N, C-alpha and C. Protein backbone atom coordinates (compact mmCIF):
# COMPACT_ATOMS: atom_id res chain seq x y z
N MET A 1 8.87 6.26 -14.66
CA MET A 1 8.76 6.79 -14.03
C MET A 1 7.57 6.41 -12.82
N ARG A 2 7.72 6.72 -11.76
CA ARG A 2 6.75 5.86 -10.87
C ARG A 2 6.35 7.32 -10.29
N VAL A 3 4.95 7.78 -9.71
CA VAL A 3 4.59 8.75 -9.23
C VAL A 3 3.39 7.97 -8.20
N ARG A 4 3.75 9.65 -7.32
CA ARG A 4 2.50 8.45 -5.88
C ARG A 4 1.20 9.64 -6.37
N ILE A 5 0.02 8.72 -6.50
CA ILE A 5 -1.36 9.09 -6.41
C ILE A 5 -2.06 9.15 -4.93
N SER A 6 -2.81 9.98 -4.51
CA SER A 6 -3.46 9.46 -3.89
C SER A 6 -5.26 10.07 -3.64
N TYR A 7 -6.23 9.45 -3.48
CA TYR A 7 -7.65 9.83 -3.27
C TYR A 7 -8.23 9.27 -1.80
N SER A 8 -9.51 10.06 -1.99
CA SER A 8 -9.89 9.50 -1.01
C SER A 8 -10.34 8.61 -0.95
N SER A 9 -11.50 7.98 0.27
CA SER A 9 -12.67 7.15 0.42
C SER A 9 -13.42 6.91 1.39
N GLU A 10 -14.69 6.22 1.80
CA GLU A 10 -15.12 6.22 3.23
C GLU A 10 -14.07 5.13 3.84
N LEU A 11 -14.47 5.80 4.92
CA LEU A 11 -13.74 4.30 5.76
C LEU A 11 -14.16 3.44 5.83
N GLU A 12 -15.56 2.72 5.67
CA GLU A 12 -16.20 1.53 5.11
C GLU A 12 -15.93 0.58 4.46
N ASP A 13 -15.29 1.26 3.20
CA ASP A 13 -14.66 0.79 1.50
C ASP A 13 -13.48 0.77 2.15
N VAL A 14 -12.75 1.14 2.98
CA VAL A 14 -10.69 1.02 2.67
C VAL A 14 -10.98 -0.67 2.98
N PRO A 15 -11.91 -1.54 3.57
CA PRO A 15 -11.38 -2.95 3.41
C PRO A 15 -11.90 -3.61 2.05
N LYS A 16 -12.74 -3.29 1.63
CA LYS A 16 -12.34 -3.67 -0.01
C LYS A 16 -11.94 -3.48 -0.60
N GLU A 17 -11.50 -2.30 -0.80
CA GLU A 17 -10.11 -1.49 -1.33
C GLU A 17 -8.92 -2.13 -1.07
N PHE A 18 -8.64 -2.63 0.20
CA PHE A 18 -7.53 -3.44 0.36
C PHE A 18 -7.73 -4.80 -0.37
N MET A 19 -8.55 -5.14 0.10
CA MET A 19 -9.02 -6.71 -1.05
C MET A 19 -8.34 -6.75 -2.54
N ARG A 20 -9.56 -5.44 -2.78
CA ARG A 20 -9.19 -5.11 -4.48
C ARG A 20 -7.59 -5.56 -4.83
N LEU A 21 -6.78 -4.23 -3.88
CA LEU A 21 -5.43 -4.39 -3.78
C LEU A 21 -4.26 -5.28 -4.01
N LEU A 22 -4.94 -6.60 -2.64
CA LEU A 22 -4.37 -7.87 -2.44
C LEU A 22 -4.41 -8.72 -3.18
N GLU A 23 -5.90 -8.38 -4.24
CA GLU A 23 -6.11 -9.58 -5.26
C GLU A 23 -5.12 -9.41 -6.42
N GLU A 24 -4.90 -7.69 -6.86
CA GLU A 24 -3.97 -7.79 -8.26
C GLU A 24 -2.60 -8.24 -7.33
N ALA A 25 -1.77 -7.51 -6.31
CA ALA A 25 -0.86 -8.94 -5.73
C ALA A 25 -0.89 -9.64 -6.04
N ILE A 26 -1.84 -10.70 -5.89
CA ILE A 26 -1.84 -12.18 -5.44
C ILE A 26 -1.89 -12.36 -7.11
N ASP A 27 -2.66 -11.96 -7.83
CA ASP A 27 -2.45 -12.26 -9.62
C ASP A 27 -0.93 -11.79 -10.23
N LYS A 28 -0.24 -10.56 -9.75
CA LYS A 28 1.29 -10.38 -10.37
C LYS A 28 2.22 -11.46 -9.85
N THR A 29 1.90 -12.14 -8.31
CA THR A 29 2.64 -12.76 -7.97
C THR A 29 2.74 -14.58 -8.18
N ASN A 30 1.37 -14.44 -8.64
CA ASN A 30 0.91 -15.82 -9.75
C ASN A 30 1.91 -15.68 -11.29
N GLN A 31 1.45 -14.39 -11.25
CA GLN A 31 2.37 -14.42 -12.87
C GLN A 31 3.70 -14.94 -12.87
N VAL A 32 4.17 -13.92 -11.80
CA VAL A 32 6.18 -14.09 -11.69
C VAL A 32 6.01 -15.43 -11.61
N LEU A 33 5.38 -16.09 -10.60
CA LEU A 33 5.56 -17.76 -9.96
C LEU A 33 5.13 -18.74 -11.16
N SER A 34 4.87 -18.41 -12.37
CA SER A 34 4.12 -18.83 -13.34
C SER A 34 5.73 -19.08 -14.86
N ILE A 35 6.24 -17.44 -14.75
CA ILE A 35 7.36 -17.55 -15.43
C ILE A 35 8.53 -18.39 -14.96
N MET A 36 8.83 -18.01 -13.40
CA MET A 36 9.72 -18.68 -12.67
C MET A 36 9.17 -20.47 -13.26
N HIS A 37 8.40 -20.80 -12.86
CA HIS A 37 8.32 -22.50 -13.12
C HIS A 37 8.50 -22.84 -14.33
N LEU A 38 8.14 -22.00 -15.44
CA LEU A 38 8.46 -22.72 -17.00
C LEU A 38 9.99 -22.34 -17.26
N VAL A 39 10.60 -21.22 -16.24
CA VAL A 39 11.91 -21.32 -16.67
C VAL A 39 12.77 -22.34 -16.37
N LYS A 40 12.46 -22.44 -14.70
CA LYS A 40 12.65 -23.86 -14.25
C LYS A 40 12.77 -25.11 -14.85
N THR A 41 11.48 -25.14 -15.21
CA THR A 41 11.28 -26.56 -16.00
C THR A 41 11.97 -26.70 -17.01
N GLY A 42 12.20 -25.71 -17.84
CA GLY A 42 13.24 -25.90 -19.32
C GLY A 42 11.75 -25.55 -20.68
N VAL A 43 10.33 -25.15 -20.00
CA VAL A 43 9.33 -25.33 -20.81
C VAL A 43 9.85 -23.78 -21.73
N ILE A 44 10.53 -22.69 -21.01
CA ILE A 44 10.84 -21.62 -21.77
C ILE A 44 12.48 -22.28 -22.11
N PRO A 45 12.74 -22.25 -23.59
CA PRO A 45 14.22 -22.20 -23.73
C PRO A 45 15.04 -21.48 -23.12
N THR A 46 16.29 -21.84 -22.89
CA THR A 46 17.33 -21.07 -22.18
C THR A 46 17.52 -19.67 -22.86
N GLU A 47 17.48 -19.87 -24.24
CA GLU A 47 17.59 -18.76 -24.84
C GLU A 47 17.07 -17.54 -24.93
N MET A 48 15.78 -17.93 -24.81
CA MET A 48 14.61 -16.90 -23.70
C MET A 48 14.39 -16.51 -22.37
N ALA A 49 15.31 -17.16 -21.53
CA ALA A 49 15.41 -17.23 -20.08
C ALA A 49 15.47 -16.25 -19.58
N ALA A 50 16.89 -15.25 -20.52
CA ALA A 50 17.13 -14.20 -19.59
C ALA A 50 15.75 -12.87 -19.74
N GLU A 51 15.51 -12.87 -21.00
CA GLU A 51 14.23 -12.29 -20.76
C GLU A 51 12.92 -12.18 -20.30
N ASN A 52 12.50 -13.75 -19.57
CA ASN A 52 11.92 -13.97 -19.18
C ASN A 52 11.83 -13.36 -17.52
N LEU A 53 13.50 -13.99 -17.32
CA LEU A 53 13.54 -13.95 -15.97
C LEU A 53 13.42 -12.18 -15.39
N GLU A 54 13.95 -11.00 -17.21
CA GLU A 54 14.06 -9.82 -16.85
C GLU A 54 12.17 -9.41 -15.98
N LYS A 55 11.82 -9.87 -16.85
CA LYS A 55 10.04 -9.66 -17.03
C LYS A 55 9.79 -10.36 -15.08
N THR A 56 10.20 -11.25 -14.72
CA THR A 56 9.69 -11.59 -12.88
C THR A 56 10.80 -10.31 -12.66
N ARG A 57 11.77 -9.91 -12.46
CA ARG A 57 12.38 -9.14 -12.02
C ARG A 57 11.02 -7.62 -11.56
N VAL A 58 11.30 -7.35 -12.86
CA VAL A 58 9.78 -6.28 -12.77
C VAL A 58 8.43 -6.62 -12.41
N GLY A 59 7.97 -7.65 -12.83
CA GLY A 59 7.30 -8.11 -11.93
C GLY A 59 7.14 -8.47 -10.66
N LEU A 60 8.23 -8.68 -9.34
CA LEU A 60 8.64 -8.21 -7.92
C LEU A 60 8.44 -7.51 -7.90
N ALA A 61 9.21 -5.80 -8.39
CA ALA A 61 9.35 -5.08 -7.99
C ALA A 61 7.45 -4.46 -8.22
N GLN A 62 7.08 -4.85 -8.83
CA GLN A 62 5.60 -4.42 -9.29
C GLN A 62 4.45 -4.78 -7.93
N ILE A 63 5.22 -5.97 -7.08
CA ILE A 63 4.36 -6.87 -6.21
C ILE A 63 5.40 -5.62 -5.22
N ASP A 64 6.29 -5.57 -5.27
CA ASP A 64 6.87 -4.74 -4.24
C ASP A 64 5.71 -3.46 -4.08
N TYR A 65 5.79 -2.87 -5.18
CA TYR A 65 5.64 -0.99 -4.80
C TYR A 65 3.63 -1.71 -4.36
N LYS A 66 3.16 -2.58 -4.50
CA LYS A 66 1.71 -2.72 -4.52
C LYS A 66 1.35 -3.02 -2.84
N LEU A 67 2.38 -4.03 -2.07
CA LEU A 67 2.68 -4.62 -1.14
C LEU A 67 2.85 -3.23 -0.13
N SER A 68 4.02 -2.19 -0.77
CA SER A 68 3.81 -1.11 0.30
C SER A 68 3.04 -0.24 -0.28
N ASP A 69 1.96 -0.18 -1.25
CA ASP A 69 0.68 0.99 -0.94
C ASP A 69 -0.40 0.31 -0.12
N ILE A 70 -0.65 -0.75 -0.34
CA ILE A 70 -1.38 -1.75 0.67
C ILE A 70 -0.82 -1.20 1.94
N GLY A 71 0.01 -1.29 2.52
CA GLY A 71 0.36 -1.36 4.07
C GLY A 71 0.79 0.46 4.43
N MET A 72 0.83 1.08 3.46
CA MET A 72 0.32 2.95 3.94
C MET A 72 -1.27 2.66 3.98
N ILE A 73 -1.91 2.17 3.02
CA ILE A 73 -3.28 1.90 3.19
C ILE A 73 -3.82 1.95 4.71
N LEU A 74 -3.16 0.36 4.91
CA LEU A 74 -3.26 -0.30 6.21
C LEU A 74 -3.45 0.68 7.28
N SER A 75 -2.14 1.34 7.22
CA SER A 75 -1.58 2.00 8.33
C SER A 75 -2.64 3.36 8.41
N GLY A 76 -3.16 3.97 7.30
CA GLY A 76 -4.09 5.48 7.10
C GLY A 76 -5.18 4.38 8.00
N TYR A 77 -5.70 3.65 7.54
CA TYR A 77 -7.19 2.84 8.11
C TYR A 77 -6.81 2.49 9.79
N TYR A 78 -6.19 2.27 10.22
CA TYR A 78 -5.87 1.64 11.41
C TYR A 78 -6.04 3.13 12.70
N GLU A 79 -5.38 3.86 12.08
CA GLU A 79 -4.67 5.26 12.99
C GLU A 79 -6.14 6.05 12.89
N ALA A 80 -6.92 5.88 11.80
CA ALA A 80 -7.81 6.79 11.91
C ALA A 80 -9.79 6.24 12.50
N ILE A 81 -9.41 4.62 12.55
CA ILE A 81 -10.38 4.20 13.89
C ILE A 81 -9.34 4.30 14.60
N GLU A 82 -8.09 4.56 15.28
CA GLU A 82 -7.67 4.64 16.65
C GLU A 82 -8.76 5.88 16.82
N GLN A 83 -7.80 6.91 15.77
CA GLN A 83 -8.10 8.40 16.23
C GLN A 83 -10.39 8.20 16.61
N LEU A 84 -10.48 7.64 15.75
CA LEU A 84 -12.55 7.64 16.14
C LEU A 84 -12.86 7.34 17.70
N LYS A 85 -12.45 5.77 18.09
CA LYS A 85 -12.26 5.23 19.37
C LYS A 85 -11.60 6.37 20.57
N ASN A 86 -10.63 7.12 20.27
CA ASN A 86 -9.62 8.18 20.81
C ASN A 86 -9.38 9.33 20.64
N PRO A 87 -10.71 10.27 20.51
CA PRO A 87 -10.49 11.51 19.23
C PRO A 87 -9.49 12.35 20.42
N PRO A 88 -8.79 13.15 19.78
CA PRO A 88 -7.99 14.24 20.85
C PRO A 88 -8.74 14.73 21.43
N GLN A 89 -7.86 15.04 22.62
CA GLN A 89 -9.00 15.65 23.61
C GLN A 89 -7.82 17.51 23.42
N PRO A 90 -9.10 18.20 23.33
CA PRO A 90 -8.39 19.68 23.64
C PRO A 90 -7.44 20.21 24.91
N GLU A 91 -6.30 20.77 24.29
CA GLU A 91 -5.25 20.86 25.60
C GLU A 91 -6.18 22.29 26.55
N GLU A 92 -6.26 21.76 28.03
CA GLU A 92 -6.69 22.52 28.65
C GLU A 92 -5.85 23.41 29.27
N LYS A 93 -6.26 24.97 29.56
CA LYS A 93 -4.96 25.57 30.25
C LYS A 93 -5.12 25.71 31.95
N PRO A 94 -3.85 25.72 32.74
CA PRO A 94 -3.67 25.54 33.40
C PRO A 94 -4.83 26.85 34.27
N GLU A 95 -5.32 26.78 36.03
CA GLU A 95 -5.98 27.90 36.00
C GLU A 95 -5.33 29.45 35.89
N GLY A 96 -5.52 29.75 35.52
CA GLY A 96 -5.59 31.53 35.68
C GLY A 96 -4.75 31.94 34.69
N GLU A 97 -4.43 31.11 33.61
CA GLU A 97 -3.30 31.43 32.57
C GLU A 97 -4.62 31.66 31.64
N GLU A 98 -4.17 32.89 31.10
CA GLU A 98 -5.60 33.24 29.78
C GLU A 98 -4.98 33.58 28.83
N ASP A 99 -5.93 33.74 27.34
CA ASP A 99 -5.58 33.50 25.68
C ASP A 99 -4.84 34.91 26.03
N VAL A 100 -4.03 35.22 25.36
CA VAL A 100 -3.44 35.94 24.97
C VAL A 100 -2.80 36.33 23.52
N THR A 101 -3.98 35.60 22.56
CA THR A 101 -4.01 36.13 21.07
C THR A 101 -4.33 37.01 21.22
N ARG A 102 -4.25 37.69 20.08
CA ARG A 102 -5.38 39.07 19.81
C ARG A 102 -5.83 39.07 18.31
N GLU A 103 -6.69 40.12 17.99
CA GLU A 103 -7.19 40.04 16.72
C GLU A 103 -6.48 41.27 16.15
N ARG A 104 -6.28 41.30 15.37
CA ARG A 104 -5.78 42.60 14.26
C ARG A 104 -6.22 43.57 13.05
């Protein structure tokens, strides 16, 4: 079962974290490609191909999850950068309009 976890990081550390996660995705991709190449070239016997192809499928799913995580991290990073460049402006009340909130 997959679960989503989150943690905070300093904004300036996000690019390093992105690169670390990308390296993990690249390593997993290379592992999957290696298995596929061994099956294709016959180094892995036919009777073992099904088991190794299943490992390949699982590996591809893990790569997909990792890339999805990376995409969400980058999206949040660029959103934070944009907010720093253009902080939200408080709403201005039209002239003559009063604040009607009351303390209880």
